[in-house]
Amino acid sequence: MVCTVDGASGLCLGCFRTLPEIATWSRMSDGERTKIMDELEGRKSLIDPALLGA
């Protein structure tokens, strides 16, 4: 999958991570990744629903 980033929120429309998070994901510790994963569902509300096909 290729990320498409929403300019207003700075989040990927597919995974809700930021570009820096995506770029460093493989170098993050399990704890760092878990922290981000726990935040993802809440980040969805930061994106215009029209961009998500809603």
N, C-alpha and C. Protein backbone atom coordinates (compact mmCIF):
# COMPACT_ATOMS: atom_id res chain seq x y z
N MET A 1 0.84 -1.18 0.00
CA MET A 1 0.00 0.00 0.00
C MET A 1 0.89 1.25 0.00
N VAL A 2 0.47 2.24 -0.73
CA VAL A 2 1.17 3.52 -0.77
C VAL A 2 0.39 4.49 0.11
N CYS A 3 1.10 5.17 0.98
CA CYS A 3 0.45 6.10 1.89
C CYS A 3 -0.01 7.36 1.15
N THR A 4 -1.18 7.85 1.54
CA THR A 4 -1.68 9.13 1.09
C THR A 4 -1.89 9.95 2.35
N VAL A 5 -1.17 11.06 2.46
CA VAL A 5 -1.21 11.85 3.68
C VAL A 5 -2.15 13.03 3.54
N ASP A 6 -3.02 13.19 4.52
CA ASP A 6 -3.92 14.34 4.61
C ASP A 6 -3.11 15.55 5.05
N GLY A 7 -3.10 16.59 4.24
CA GLY A 7 -2.30 17.78 4.56
C GLY A 7 -2.73 18.47 5.84
N ALA A 8 -4.02 18.47 6.13
CA ALA A 8 -4.52 19.18 7.31
C ALA A 8 -4.10 18.51 8.61
N SER A 9 -4.19 17.19 8.66
CA SER A 9 -3.86 16.47 9.90
C SER A 9 -2.44 15.94 9.91
N GLY A 10 -1.86 15.73 8.73
CA GLY A 10 -0.53 15.13 8.65
C GLY A 10 -0.54 13.63 8.84
N LEU A 11 -1.72 13.03 8.74
CA LEU A 11 -1.85 11.59 8.97
C LEU A 11 -2.13 10.85 7.67
N CYS A 12 -1.64 9.63 7.59
CA CYS A 12 -1.93 8.75 6.46
C CYS A 12 -3.42 8.39 6.51
N LEU A 13 -4.07 8.43 5.35
CA LEU A 13 -5.50 8.12 5.29
C LEU A 13 -5.78 6.63 5.48
N GLY A 14 -4.77 5.79 5.37
CA GLY A 14 -4.97 4.36 5.54
C GLY A 14 -4.63 3.84 6.92
N CYS A 15 -3.49 4.30 7.46
CA CYS A 15 -3.03 3.73 8.74
C CYS A 15 -3.03 4.74 9.88
N PHE A 16 -3.27 6.02 9.57
CA PHE A 16 -3.37 7.09 10.57
C PHE A 16 -2.06 7.40 11.29
N ARG A 17 -0.93 6.98 10.69
CA ARG A 17 0.37 7.34 11.25
C ARG A 17 0.90 8.57 10.53
N THR A 18 1.85 9.25 11.15
CA THR A 18 2.51 10.39 10.52
C THR A 18 3.64 9.89 9.64
N LEU A 19 4.12 10.74 8.74
CA LEU A 19 5.24 10.34 7.89
C LEU A 19 6.48 9.99 8.70
N PRO A 20 6.84 10.76 9.74
CA PRO A 20 8.00 10.35 10.55
C PRO A 20 7.80 8.99 11.22
N GLU A 21 6.58 8.70 11.68
CA GLU A 21 6.31 7.40 12.29
C GLU A 21 6.45 6.28 11.26
N ILE A 22 5.95 6.51 10.06
CA ILE A 22 6.04 5.51 9.01
C ILE A 22 7.51 5.27 8.65
N ALA A 23 8.26 6.35 8.53
CA ALA A 23 9.66 6.25 8.12
C ALA A 23 10.53 5.53 9.15
N THR A 24 10.21 5.66 10.42
CA THR A 24 11.06 5.07 11.46
C THR A 24 10.46 3.81 12.09
N TRP A 25 9.34 3.35 11.58
CA TRP A 25 8.61 2.23 12.16
C TRP A 25 9.49 1.00 12.40
N SER A 26 10.30 0.64 11.43
CA SER A 26 11.10 -0.58 11.56
C SER A 26 12.22 -0.44 12.58
N ARG A 27 12.55 0.79 12.95
CA ARG A 27 13.61 1.01 13.94
C ARG A 27 13.06 1.28 15.33
N MET A 28 11.76 1.35 15.47
CA MET A 28 11.14 1.61 16.77
C MET A 28 11.13 0.35 17.62
N SER A 29 11.12 0.57 18.93
CA SER A 29 10.99 -0.57 19.85
C SER A 29 9.53 -1.05 19.85
N ASP A 30 9.33 -2.24 20.37
CA ASP A 30 7.97 -2.77 20.48
C ASP A 30 7.09 -1.82 21.30
N GLY A 31 7.65 -1.25 22.35
CA GLY A 31 6.90 -0.33 23.19
C GLY A 31 6.49 0.93 22.46
N GLU A 32 7.38 1.47 21.65
CA GLU A 32 7.06 2.67 20.88
C GLU A 32 5.95 2.37 19.87
N ARG A 33 6.05 1.22 19.21
CA ARG A 33 5.02 0.85 18.24
C ARG A 33 3.67 0.63 18.92
N THR A 34 3.69 -0.01 20.07
CA THR A 34 2.45 -0.26 20.81
C THR A 34 1.79 1.04 21.20
N LYS A 35 2.57 2.00 21.67
CA LYS A 35 2.03 3.31 22.06
C LYS A 35 1.33 3.97 20.87
N ILE A 36 1.96 3.94 19.71
CA ILE A 36 1.36 4.53 18.52
C ILE A 36 0.10 3.76 18.12
N MET A 37 0.17 2.45 18.12
CA MET A 37 -0.99 1.65 17.75
C MET A 37 -2.19 1.94 18.65
N ASP A 38 -1.92 2.17 19.92
CA ASP A 38 -3.00 2.48 20.87
C ASP A 38 -3.66 3.83 20.56
N GLU A 39 -2.97 4.72 19.88
CA GLU A 39 -3.49 6.06 19.56
C GLU A 39 -4.22 6.12 18.22
N LEU A 40 -4.06 5.12 17.37
CA LEU A 40 -4.53 5.23 15.99
C LEU A 40 -6.03 5.43 15.85
N GLU A 41 -6.84 4.71 16.56
CA GLU A 41 -8.29 4.84 16.41
C GLU A 41 -8.74 6.27 16.73
N GLY A 42 -8.16 6.88 17.75
CA GLY A 42 -8.51 8.25 18.09
C GLY A 42 -8.07 9.26 17.05
N ARG A 43 -7.02 8.95 16.33
CA ARG A 43 -6.52 9.86 15.30
C ARG A 43 -7.47 9.95 14.11
N LYS A 44 -8.23 8.91 13.89
CA LYS A 44 -9.17 8.88 12.75
C LYS A 44 -10.10 10.09 12.78
N SER A 45 -10.49 10.53 13.96
CA SER A 45 -11.42 11.66 14.08
C SER A 45 -10.78 12.99 13.67
N LEU A 46 -9.46 13.01 13.49
CA LEU A 46 -8.77 14.23 13.08
C LEU A 46 -8.82 14.44 11.57
N ILE A 47 -9.32 13.46 10.85
CA ILE A 47 -9.36 13.51 9.39
C ILE A 47 -10.79 13.77 8.92
N ASP A 48 -10.93 14.63 7.93
CA ASP A 48 -12.23 14.93 7.35
C ASP A 48 -12.86 13.62 6.85
N PRO A 49 -14.05 13.27 7.34
CA PRO A 49 -14.68 12.01 6.95
C PRO A 49 -14.84 11.86 5.44
N ALA A 50 -14.98 12.95 4.71
CA ALA A 50 -15.12 12.88 3.25
C ALA A 50 -13.86 12.28 2.61
N LEU A 51 -12.71 12.50 3.23
CA LEU A 51 -11.46 11.95 2.70
C LEU A 51 -11.36 10.45 2.94
N LEU A 52 -12.15 9.95 3.88
CA LEU A 52 -12.11 8.53 4.23
C LEU A 52 -13.24 7.76 3.53
N GLY A 53 -13.97 8.44 2.66
CA GLY A 53 -15.05 7.79 1.92
C GLY A 53 -16.33 7.66 2.72
N ALA A 54 -16.43 8.44 3.79
CA ALA A 54 -17.63 8.36 4.64
C ALA A 54 -18.67 9.37 4.20
